[in-house]
């Protein structure tokens, strides 16, 4: 089984996206900023993977 760099990057971004959700009391004031930025990165990585550029 061959694991590419794009797959590893995709898994790391998904874990960061889940970790960025505002679930703790101190992070509820942050809003969805961290999750939105990570979600944008995730979409960019997915598009690059589908186009074969990563």
PDB file of N, CA and C in Angstrom:
ATOM      1  N   UNK A   1       0.847  -1.190   0.000  1.00  0.00           N
ATOM      2  CA  UNK A   1       0.000   0.000   0.000  1.00  0.00           C
ATOM      3  C   UNK A   1       0.886   1.245   0.000  1.00  0.00           C
ATOM      4  N   UNK A   2       0.649   2.109  -0.950  1.00  0.00           N
ATOM      5  CA  UNK A   2       1.446   3.326  -1.079  1.00  0.00           C
ATOM      6  C   UNK A   2       0.653   4.497  -0.525  1.00  0.00           C
ATOM      7  N   UNK A   3       1.274   5.200   0.418  1.00  0.00           N
ATOM      8  CA  UNK A   3       0.650   6.393   0.996  1.00  0.00           C
ATOM      9  C   UNK A   3       1.391   7.604   0.454  1.00  0.00           C
ATOM     10  N   UNK A   4       0.657   8.478  -0.209  1.00  0.00           N
ATOM     11  CA  UNK A   4       1.278   9.655  -0.800  1.00  0.00           C
ATOM     12  C   UNK A   4       1.285  10.816   0.182  1.00  0.00           C
ATOM     13  N   UNK A   5       2.059  11.819  -0.150  1.00  0.00           N
ATOM     14  CA  UNK A   5       2.135  13.020   0.676  1.00  0.00           C
ATOM     15  C   UNK A   5       0.787  13.726   0.731  1.00  0.00           C
ATOM     16  N   UNK A   6       0.065  13.718  -0.376  1.00  0.00           N
ATOM     17  CA  UNK A   6      -1.256  14.361  -0.410  1.00  0.00           C
ATOM     18  C   UNK A   6      -2.239  13.705   0.539  1.00  0.00           C
ATOM     19  N   UNK A   7      -2.180  12.374   0.630  1.00  0.00           N
ATOM     20  CA  UNK A   7      -3.078  11.663   1.545  1.00  0.00           C
ATOM     21  C   UNK A   7      -2.755  11.990   2.995  1.00  0.00           C
ATOM     22  N   UNK A   8      -1.478  12.026   3.316  1.00  0.00           N
ATOM     23  CA  UNK A   8      -1.078  12.369   4.683  1.00  0.00           C
ATOM     24  C   UNK A   8      -1.498  13.793   5.011  1.00  0.00           C
ATOM     25  N   UNK A   9      -1.298  14.712   4.085  1.00  0.00           N
ATOM     26  CA  UNK A   9      -1.695  16.102   4.289  1.00  0.00           C
ATOM     27  C   UNK A   9      -3.199  16.226   4.462  1.00  0.00           C
ATOM     28  N   UNK A  10      -3.958  15.465   3.693  1.00  0.00           N
ATOM     29  CA  UNK A  10      -5.416  15.483   3.795  1.00  0.00           C
ATOM     30  C   UNK A  10      -5.871  14.990   5.164  1.00  0.00           C
ATOM     31  N   UNK A  11      -5.290  13.919   5.661  1.00  0.00           N
ATOM     32  CA  UNK A  11      -5.660  13.381   6.973  1.00  0.00           C
ATOM     33  C   UNK A  11      -5.300  14.370   8.073  1.00  0.00           C
ATOM     34  N   UNK A  12      -4.137  14.987   7.993  1.00  0.00           N
ATOM     35  CA  UNK A  12      -3.736  15.973   9.004  1.00  0.00           C
ATOM     36  C   UNK A  12      -4.685  17.162   9.004  1.00  0.00           C
ATOM     37  N   UNK A  13      -5.083  17.644   7.825  1.00  0.00           N
ATOM     38  CA  UNK A  13      -6.014  18.779   7.761  1.00  0.00           C
ATOM     39  C   UNK A  13      -7.386  18.424   8.312  1.00  0.00           C
ATOM     40  N   UNK A  14      -7.852  17.202   8.084  1.00  0.00           N
ATOM     41  CA  UNK A  14      -9.150  16.792   8.627  1.00  0.00           C
ATOM     42  C   UNK A  14      -9.092  16.738  10.152  1.00  0.00           C
ATOM     43  N   UNK A  15      -7.999  16.212  10.697  1.00  0.00           N
ATOM     44  CA  UNK A  15      -7.851  16.165  12.154  1.00  0.00           C
ATOM     45  C   UNK A  15      -7.785  17.572  12.734  1.00  0.00           C
ATOM     46  N   UNK A  16      -7.060  18.481  12.075  1.00  0.00           N
ATOM     47  CA  UNK A  16      -7.002  19.867  12.546  1.00  0.00           C
ATOM     48  C   UNK A  16      -8.358  20.559  12.440  1.00  0.00           C
ATOM     49  N   UNK A  17      -9.119  20.228  11.397  1.00  0.00           N
ATOM     50  CA  UNK A  17     -10.445  20.813  11.224  1.00  0.00           C
ATOM     51  C   UNK A  17     -11.367  20.388  12.360  1.00  0.00           C
ATOM     52  N   UNK A  18     -11.326  19.126  12.724  1.00  0.00           N
ATOM     53  CA  UNK A  18     -12.145  18.638  13.841  1.00  0.00           C
ATOM     54  C   UNK A  18     -11.672  19.252  15.152  1.00  0.00           C
ATOM     55  N   UNK A  19     -10.348  19.372  15.322  1.00  0.00           N
ATOM     56  CA  UNK A  19      -9.803  19.965  16.541  1.00  0.00           C
ATOM     57  C   UNK A  19     -10.069  21.455  16.651  1.00  0.00           C
ATOM     58  N   UNK A  20     -10.322  22.121  15.544  1.00  0.00           N
ATOM     59  CA  UNK A  20     -10.563  23.561  15.561  1.00  0.00           C
ATOM     60  C   UNK A  20     -11.985  23.965  15.860  1.00  0.00           C
ATOM     61  N   UNK A  21     -12.881  22.999  15.995  1.00  0.00           N
ATOM     62  CA  UNK A  21     -14.273  23.331  16.313  1.00  0.00           C
ATOM     63  C   UNK A  21     -14.360  23.950  17.705  1.00  0.00           C
ATOM     64  N   UNK A  22     -15.131  25.009  17.865  1.00  0.00           N
ATOM     65  CA  UNK A  22     -15.215  25.685  19.177  1.00  0.00           C
ATOM     66  C   UNK A  22     -16.074  24.898  20.162  1.00  0.00           C
ATOM     67  N   UNK A  23     -15.448  23.965  20.872  1.00  0.00           N
ATOM     68  CA  UNK A  23     -16.206  23.142  21.813  1.00  0.00           C
ATOM     69  C   UNK A  23     -15.861  23.450  23.271  1.00  0.00           C
ATOM     70  N   UNK A  24     -14.726  24.084  23.522  1.00  0.00           N
ATOM     71  CA  UNK A  24     -14.338  24.419  24.889  1.00  0.00           C
ATOM     72  C   UNK A  24     -14.873  25.805  25.233  1.00  0.00           C
ATOM     73  N   UNK A  25     -15.145  26.044  26.521  1.00  0.00           N
ATOM     74  CA  UNK A  25     -15.700  27.349  26.910  1.00  0.00           C
ATOM     75  C   UNK A  25     -14.821  28.538  26.510  1.00  0.00           C
ATOM     76  N   UNK A  26     -13.503  28.398  26.607  1.00  0.00           N
ATOM     77  CA  UNK A  26     -12.629  29.528  26.285  1.00  0.00           C
ATOM     78  C   UNK A  26     -12.539  29.770  24.777  1.00  0.00           C
ATOM     79  N   UNK A  27     -12.865  28.777  23.964  1.00  0.00           N
ATOM     80  CA  UNK A  27     -12.733  28.954  22.517  1.00  0.00           C
ATOM     81  C   UNK A  27     -14.052  29.316  21.845  1.00  0.00           C
ATOM     82  N   UNK A  28     -15.133  29.385  22.600  1.00  0.00           N
ATOM     83  CA  UNK A  28     -16.409  29.753  21.990  1.00  0.00           C
ATOM     84  C   UNK A  28     -16.407  31.203  21.519  1.00  0.00           C
ATOM     85  N   UNK A  29     -15.583  32.052  22.121  1.00  0.00           N
ATOM     86  CA  UNK A  29     -15.500  33.451  21.705  1.00  0.00           C
ATOM     87  C   UNK A  29     -14.759  33.617  20.388  1.00  0.00           C
ATOM     88  N   UNK A  30     -14.024  32.601  19.954  1.00  0.00           N
ATOM     89  CA  UNK A  30     -13.264  32.682  18.711  1.00  0.00           C
ATOM     90  C   UNK A  30     -14.173  32.621  17.499  1.00  0.00           C
ATOM     91  N   UNK A  31     -15.367  32.076  17.661  1.00  0.00           N
ATOM     92  CA  UNK A  31     -16.261  31.891  16.531  1.00  0.00           C
ATOM     93  C   UNK A  31     -15.779  30.744  15.662  1.00  0.00           C
ATOM     94  N   UNK A  32     -16.069  30.820  14.386  1.00  0.00           N
ATOM     95  CA  UNK A  32     -15.683  29.745  13.474  1.00  0.00           C
ATOM     96  C   UNK A  32     -14.474  30.129  12.621  1.00  0.00           C
ATOM     97  N   UNK A  33     -13.698  31.107  13.073  1.00  0.00           N
ATOM     98  CA  UNK A  33     -12.520  31.538  12.333  1.00  0.00           C
ATOM     99  C   UNK A  33     -11.506  30.443  12.091  1.00  0.00           C
ATOM    100  N   UNK A  34     -11.031  29.763  13.148  1.00  0.00           N
ATOM    101  CA  UNK A  34     -10.043  28.700  12.931  1.00  0.00           C
ATOM    102  C   UNK A  34     -10.584  27.572  12.045  1.00  0.00           C
ATOM    103  N   UNK A  35     -11.824  27.196  12.245  1.00  0.00           N
ATOM    104  CA  UNK A  35     -12.408  26.126  11.447  1.00  0.00           C
ATOM    105  C   UNK A  35     -12.595  26.564  10.004  1.00  0.00           C
ATOM    106  N   UNK A  36     -12.970  27.820   9.793  1.00  0.00           N
ATOM    107  CA  UNK A  36     -13.153  28.327   8.445  1.00  0.00           C
ATOM    108  C   UNK A  36     -11.860  28.352   7.658  1.00  0.00           C
ATOM    109  N   UNK A  37     -10.779  28.758   8.315  1.00  0.00           N
ATOM    110  CA  UNK A  37      -9.476  28.790   7.634  1.00  0.00           C
ATOM    111  C   UNK A  37      -9.006  27.373   7.302  1.00  0.00           C
ATOM    112  N   UNK A  38      -9.161  26.450   8.240  1.00  0.00           N
ATOM    113  CA  UNK A  38      -8.760  25.066   7.985  1.00  0.00           C
ATOM    114  C   UNK A  38      -9.651  24.431   6.928  1.00  0.00           C
ATOM    115  N   UNK A  39     -10.927  24.777   6.926  1.00  0.00           N
ATOM    116  CA  UNK A  39     -11.828  24.256   5.905  1.00  0.00           C
ATOM    117  C   UNK A  39     -11.448  24.737   4.517  1.00  0.00           C
ATOM    118  N   UNK A  40     -11.029  25.997   4.435  1.00  0.00           N
ATOM    119  CA  UNK A  40     -10.572  26.538   3.157  1.00  0.00           C
ATOM    120  C   UNK A  40      -9.329  25.808   2.676  1.00  0.00           C
ATOM    121  N   UNK A  41      -8.378  25.572   3.580  1.00  0.00           N
ATOM    122  CA  UNK A  41      -7.184  24.807   3.219  1.00  0.00           C
ATOM    123  C   UNK A  41      -7.542  23.399   2.772  1.00  0.00           C
ATOM    124  N   UNK A  42      -8.504  22.784   3.442  1.00  0.00           N
ATOM    125  CA  UNK A  42      -8.937  21.441   3.085  1.00  0.00           C
ATOM    126  C   UNK A  42      -9.525  21.404   1.684  1.00  0.00           C
ATOM    127  N   UNK A  43     -10.339  22.383   1.345  1.00  0.00           N
ATOM    128  CA  UNK A  43     -10.930  22.445   0.002  1.00  0.00           C
ATOM    129  C   UNK A  43      -9.850  22.650  -1.048  1.00  0.00           C
ATOM    130  N   UNK A  44      -8.876  23.509  -0.773  1.00  0.00           N
ATOM    131  CA  UNK A  44      -7.788  23.746  -1.724  1.00  0.00           C
ATOM    132  C   UNK A  44      -6.988  22.470  -1.948  1.00  0.00           C
ATOM    133  N   UNK A  45      -6.667  21.756  -0.876  1.00  0.00           N
ATOM    134  CA  UNK A  45      -5.908  20.508  -0.993  1.00  0.00           C
ATOM    135  C   UNK A  45      -6.709  19.468  -1.767  1.00  0.00           C
ATOM    136  N   UNK A  46      -8.003  19.369  -1.500  1.00  0.00           N
ATOM    137  CA  UNK A  46      -8.837  18.408  -2.231  1.00  0.00           C
ATOM    138  C   UNK A  46      -8.877  18.716  -3.722  1.00  0.00           C
ATOM    139  N   UNK A  47      -9.013  19.998  -4.069  1.00  0.00           N
ATOM    140  CA  UNK A  47      -9.047  20.380  -5.481  1.00  0.00           C
ATOM    141  C   UNK A  47      -7.710  20.064  -6.143  1.00  0.00           C
ATOM    142  N   UNK A  48      -6.612  20.362  -5.468  1.00  0.00           N
ATOM    143  CA  UNK A  48      -5.292  20.068  -6.032  1.00  0.00           C
ATOM    144  C   UNK A  48      -5.088  18.567  -6.208  1.00  0.00           C
ATOM    145  N   UNK A  49      -5.588  17.771  -5.261  1.00  0.00           N
ATOM    146  CA  UNK A  49      -5.460  16.318  -5.384  1.00  0.00           C
ATOM    147  C   UNK A  49      -6.296  15.791  -6.557  1.00  0.00           C
ATOM    148  N   UNK A  50      -7.501  16.335  -6.727  1.00  0.00           N
ATOM    149  CA  UNK A  50      -8.356  15.882  -7.819  1.00  0.00           C
ATOM    150  C   UNK A  50      -7.805  16.299  -9.181  1.00  0.00           C
ATOM    151  N   UNK A  51      -7.113  17.414  -9.238  1.00  0.00           N
ATOM    152  CA  UNK A  51      -6.509  17.863 -10.490  1.00  0.00           C
ATOM    153  C   UNK A  51      -5.168  17.178 -10.763  1.00  0.00           C
ATOM    154  N   UNK A  52      -4.658  16.440  -9.784  1.00  0.00           N
ATOM    155  CA  UNK A  52      -3.398  15.736  -9.966  1.00  0.00           C
ATOM    156  C   UNK A  52      -2.166  16.605  -9.793  1.00  0.00           C
ATOM    157  N   UNK A  53      -2.317  17.726  -9.153  1.00  0.00           N
ATOM    158  CA  UNK A  53      -1.194  18.642  -8.965  1.00  0.00           C
ATOM    159  C   UNK A  53      -0.475  18.414  -7.644  1.00  0.00           C
ATOM    160  N   UNK A  54      -0.999  17.518  -6.813  1.00  0.00           N
ATOM    161  CA  UNK A  54      -0.380  17.259  -5.498  1.00  0.00           C
ATOM    162  C   UNK A  54      -0.152  15.782  -5.349  1.00  0.00           C
TER     163      UNK A  54
END
